[in-house]
């Protein structure tokens, strides 16, 4: 939060109340580190920040897309959907095809 020269706090339905501390030289920006609770469902969440007697709420400030659980190879029960994987694969394929077309269509440079 900008203009937060004193300690504050951030609150959301996705994480516990988290302290904010000024961190830049002028003390005009505060930050905190949050940990999303394990039981949070994917979705959009708001954040409310309290600092120096002011309160600011940002609806839809961030989105939880899924979770990663520790285990063999970071096994997960939630996360990327089939559509996400298909879109990502399509983008990679388009990039590879585009790169191949670029390299094959390059004109040879004349030396001399």
C-alpha atoms as a PDB file:
ATOM      1  CA  UNK A   1       0.000   0.000   0.000  1.00  0.00           C
ATOM      2  CA  UNK A   2       1.447   3.370  -0.952  1.00  0.00           C
ATOM      3  CA  UNK A   3       1.528   6.109   1.663  1.00  0.00           C
ATOM      4  CA  UNK A   4       1.659   3.561   4.490  1.00  0.00           C
ATOM      5  CA  UNK A   5       4.408   4.940   6.718  1.00  0.00           C
ATOM      6  CA  UNK A   6       3.386   2.897   9.755  1.00  0.00           C
ATOM      7  CA  UNK A   7       2.725  -0.755  10.365  1.00  0.00           C
ATOM      8  CA  UNK A   8      -0.562  -2.027   8.978  1.00  0.00           C
ATOM      9  CA  UNK A   9      -2.340  -5.264   8.127  1.00  0.00           C
ATOM     10  CA  UNK A  10      -3.831  -7.063   5.144  1.00  0.00           C
ATOM     11  CA  UNK A  11      -6.934  -9.236   5.448  1.00  0.00           C
ATOM     12  CA  UNK A  12      -8.610 -11.578   2.964  1.00  0.00           C
ATOM     13  CA  UNK A  13     -10.882 -14.582   2.907  1.00  0.00           C
ATOM     14  CA  UNK A  14      -7.977 -16.567   1.424  1.00  0.00           C
ATOM     15  CA  UNK A  15      -5.336 -15.912   4.100  1.00  0.00           C
ATOM     16  CA  UNK A  16      -4.986 -14.982   7.755  1.00  0.00           C
ATOM     17  CA  UNK A  17      -4.522 -11.388   8.927  1.00  0.00           C
ATOM     18  CA  UNK A  18      -0.995 -10.475   7.847  1.00  0.00           C
ATOM     19  CA  UNK A  19       1.152  -7.622   9.164  1.00  0.00           C
ATOM     20  CA  UNK A  20       2.442  -5.003   6.717  1.00  0.00           C
ATOM     21  CA  UNK A  21       5.707  -3.152   7.286  1.00  0.00           C
ATOM     22  CA  UNK A  22       7.195  -0.161   5.445  1.00  0.00           C
ATOM     23  CA  UNK A  23      10.112  -1.354   3.329  1.00  0.00           C
ATOM     24  CA  UNK A  24      11.496   1.364   1.076  1.00  0.00           C
ATOM     25  CA  UNK A  25      13.858   4.118   2.182  1.00  0.00           C
ATOM     26  CA  UNK A  26      11.165   6.792   2.315  1.00  0.00           C
ATOM     27  CA  UNK A  27       8.778   4.469   4.156  1.00  0.00           C
ATOM     28  CA  UNK A  28       5.995   5.202   1.683  1.00  0.00           C
ATOM     29  CA  UNK A  29       5.281   1.635   0.586  1.00  0.00           C
ATOM     30  CA  UNK A  30       4.408  -1.268   2.866  1.00  0.00           C
ATOM     31  CA  UNK A  31       4.460  -4.961   2.088  1.00  0.00           C
ATOM     32  CA  UNK A  32       3.721  -8.282   3.701  1.00  0.00           C
ATOM     33  CA  UNK A  33       4.055 -11.944   2.856  1.00  0.00           C
ATOM     34  CA  UNK A  34       0.929 -14.082   2.925  1.00  0.00           C
ATOM     35  CA  UNK A  35       0.340 -17.801   2.778  1.00  0.00           C
ATOM     36  CA  UNK A  36      -2.870 -18.937   1.123  1.00  0.00           C
ATOM     37  CA  UNK A  37      -4.733 -21.378   3.361  1.00  0.00           C
ATOM     38  CA  UNK A  38      -4.883 -24.988   2.152  1.00  0.00           C
ATOM     39  CA  UNK A  39      -8.675 -25.128   2.334  1.00  0.00           C
ATOM     40  CA  UNK A  40      -9.205 -22.135   0.014  1.00  0.00           C
ATOM     41  CA  UNK A  41     -11.195 -22.935  -3.105  1.00  0.00           C
ATOM     42  CA  UNK A  42     -10.141 -21.602  -6.502  1.00  0.00           C
ATOM     43  CA  UNK A  43     -11.762 -18.257  -7.214  1.00  0.00           C
ATOM     44  CA  UNK A  44     -11.351 -14.493  -7.008  1.00  0.00           C
ATOM     45  CA  UNK A  45     -10.735 -12.854  -3.641  1.00  0.00           C
ATOM     46  CA  UNK A  46     -10.600  -9.333  -2.298  1.00  0.00           C
ATOM     47  CA  UNK A  47      -7.955  -7.803  -0.049  1.00  0.00           C
ATOM     48  CA  UNK A  48      -8.576  -5.223   2.651  1.00  0.00           C
ATOM     49  CA  UNK A  49      -5.577  -3.224   3.829  1.00  0.00           C
ATOM     50  CA  UNK A  50      -5.562  -1.227   7.056  1.00  0.00           C
ATOM     51  CA  UNK A  51      -2.823   1.338   7.647  1.00  0.00           C
ATOM     52  CA  UNK A  52      -2.467   4.627   9.501  1.00  0.00           C
ATOM     53  CA  UNK A  53      -6.175   4.707  10.331  1.00  0.00           C
ATOM     54  CA  UNK A  54      -7.205   4.196   6.694  1.00  0.00           C
ATOM     55  CA  UNK A  55      -8.864   1.166   5.128  1.00  0.00           C
ATOM     56  CA  UNK A  56      -8.709   0.231   1.460  1.00  0.00           C
ATOM     57  CA  UNK A  57     -10.544  -2.737  -0.078  1.00  0.00           C
ATOM     58  CA  UNK A  58      -9.761  -4.059  -3.561  1.00  0.00           C
ATOM     59  CA  UNK A  59     -12.476  -6.431  -4.814  1.00  0.00           C
ATOM     60  CA  UNK A  60     -11.144  -9.152  -7.102  1.00  0.00           C
ATOM     61  CA  UNK A  61      -7.539  -8.293  -6.193  1.00  0.00           C
ATOM     62  CA  UNK A  62      -6.209 -11.777  -6.917  1.00  0.00           C
ATOM     63  CA  UNK A  63      -7.272 -15.185  -8.139  1.00  0.00           C
ATOM     64  CA  UNK A  64      -6.498 -18.561  -6.637  1.00  0.00           C
ATOM     65  CA  UNK A  65      -6.248 -21.003  -9.549  1.00  0.00           C
ATOM     66  CA  UNK A  66      -5.459 -24.200  -7.685  1.00  0.00           C
ATOM     67  CA  UNK A  67      -3.112 -25.702  -5.208  1.00  0.00           C
ATOM     68  CA  UNK A  68       0.069 -27.682  -5.212  1.00  0.00           C
ATOM     69  CA  UNK A  69       0.479 -30.343  -2.606  1.00  0.00           C
ATOM     70  CA  UNK A  70       3.852 -31.699  -1.646  1.00  0.00           C
ATOM     71  CA  UNK A  71       4.633 -35.270  -2.475  1.00  0.00           C
ATOM     72  CA  UNK A  72       6.145 -37.240  -5.281  1.00  0.00           C
ATOM     73  CA  UNK A  73       7.032 -34.713  -7.934  1.00  0.00           C
ATOM     74  CA  UNK A  74       4.731 -32.060  -6.469  1.00  0.00           C
ATOM     75  CA  UNK A  75       1.625 -34.140  -7.084  1.00  0.00           C
ATOM     76  CA  UNK A  76      -1.552 -32.084  -7.215  1.00  0.00           C
ATOM     77  CA  UNK A  77      -5.252 -32.717  -6.997  1.00  0.00           C
ATOM     78  CA  UNK A  78      -6.179 -29.294  -8.328  1.00  0.00           C
ATOM     79  CA  UNK A  79      -4.519 -26.813 -10.646  1.00  0.00           C
ATOM     80  CA  UNK A  80      -4.408 -26.449 -14.398  1.00  0.00           C
ATOM     81  CA  UNK A  81      -7.492 -27.685 -16.188  1.00  0.00           C
ATOM     82  CA  UNK A  82      -7.497 -29.545 -19.503  1.00  0.00           C
ATOM     83  CA  UNK A  83      -8.390 -26.272 -21.216  1.00  0.00           C
ATOM     84  CA  UNK A  84      -5.356 -24.544 -19.613  1.00  0.00           C
ATOM     85  CA  UNK A  85      -3.078 -27.318 -20.839  1.00  0.00           C
ATOM     86  CA  UNK A  86      -4.591 -27.203 -24.340  1.00  0.00           C
ATOM     87  CA  UNK A  87      -4.179 -23.419 -24.554  1.00  0.00           C
ATOM     88  CA  UNK A  88      -0.592 -23.609 -23.306  1.00  0.00           C
ATOM     89  CA  UNK A  89       0.231 -26.402 -25.741  1.00  0.00           C
ATOM     90  CA  UNK A  90      -1.342 -24.438 -28.590  1.00  0.00           C
ATOM     91  CA  UNK A  91       0.730 -21.367 -27.747  1.00  0.00           C
ATOM     92  CA  UNK A  92       3.924 -23.427 -27.626  1.00  0.00           C
ATOM     93  CA  UNK A  93       3.100 -25.068 -30.960  1.00  0.00           C
ATOM     94  CA  UNK A  94       2.310 -21.701 -32.563  1.00  0.00           C
ATOM     95  CA  UNK A  95       5.625 -20.325 -31.321  1.00  0.00           C
ATOM     96  CA  UNK A  96       7.554 -23.313 -32.642  1.00  0.00           C
ATOM     97  CA  UNK A  97       5.828 -23.137 -36.045  1.00  0.00           C
ATOM     98  CA  UNK A  98       6.338 -19.375 -36.236  1.00  0.00           C
ATOM     99  CA  UNK A  99      10.022 -19.755 -35.402  1.00  0.00           C
ATOM    100  CA  UNK A 100      10.436 -22.478 -38.022  1.00  0.00           C
ATOM    101  CA  UNK A 101       8.769 -20.362 -40.700  1.00  0.00           C
ATOM    102  CA  UNK A 102      10.975 -17.404 -39.790  1.00  0.00           C
ATOM    103  CA  UNK A 103      14.183 -19.427 -40.068  1.00  0.00           C
ATOM    104  CA  UNK A 104      13.233 -21.180 -43.309  1.00  0.00           C
ATOM    105  CA  UNK A 105      12.155 -17.953 -45.024  1.00  0.00           C
ATOM    106  CA  UNK A 106      15.303 -16.040 -44.167  1.00  0.00           C
ATOM    107  CA  UNK A 107      17.169 -14.945 -47.256  1.00  0.00           C
ATOM    108  CA  UNK A 108      20.791 -15.981 -47.423  1.00  0.00           C
ATOM    109  CA  UNK A 109      23.131 -13.095 -46.803  1.00  0.00           C
ATOM    110  CA  UNK A 110      25.615 -12.185 -49.481  1.00  0.00           C
ATOM    111  CA  UNK A 111      29.228 -12.258 -48.507  1.00  0.00           C
ATOM    112  CA  UNK A 112      31.772 -10.093 -50.084  1.00  0.00           C
END
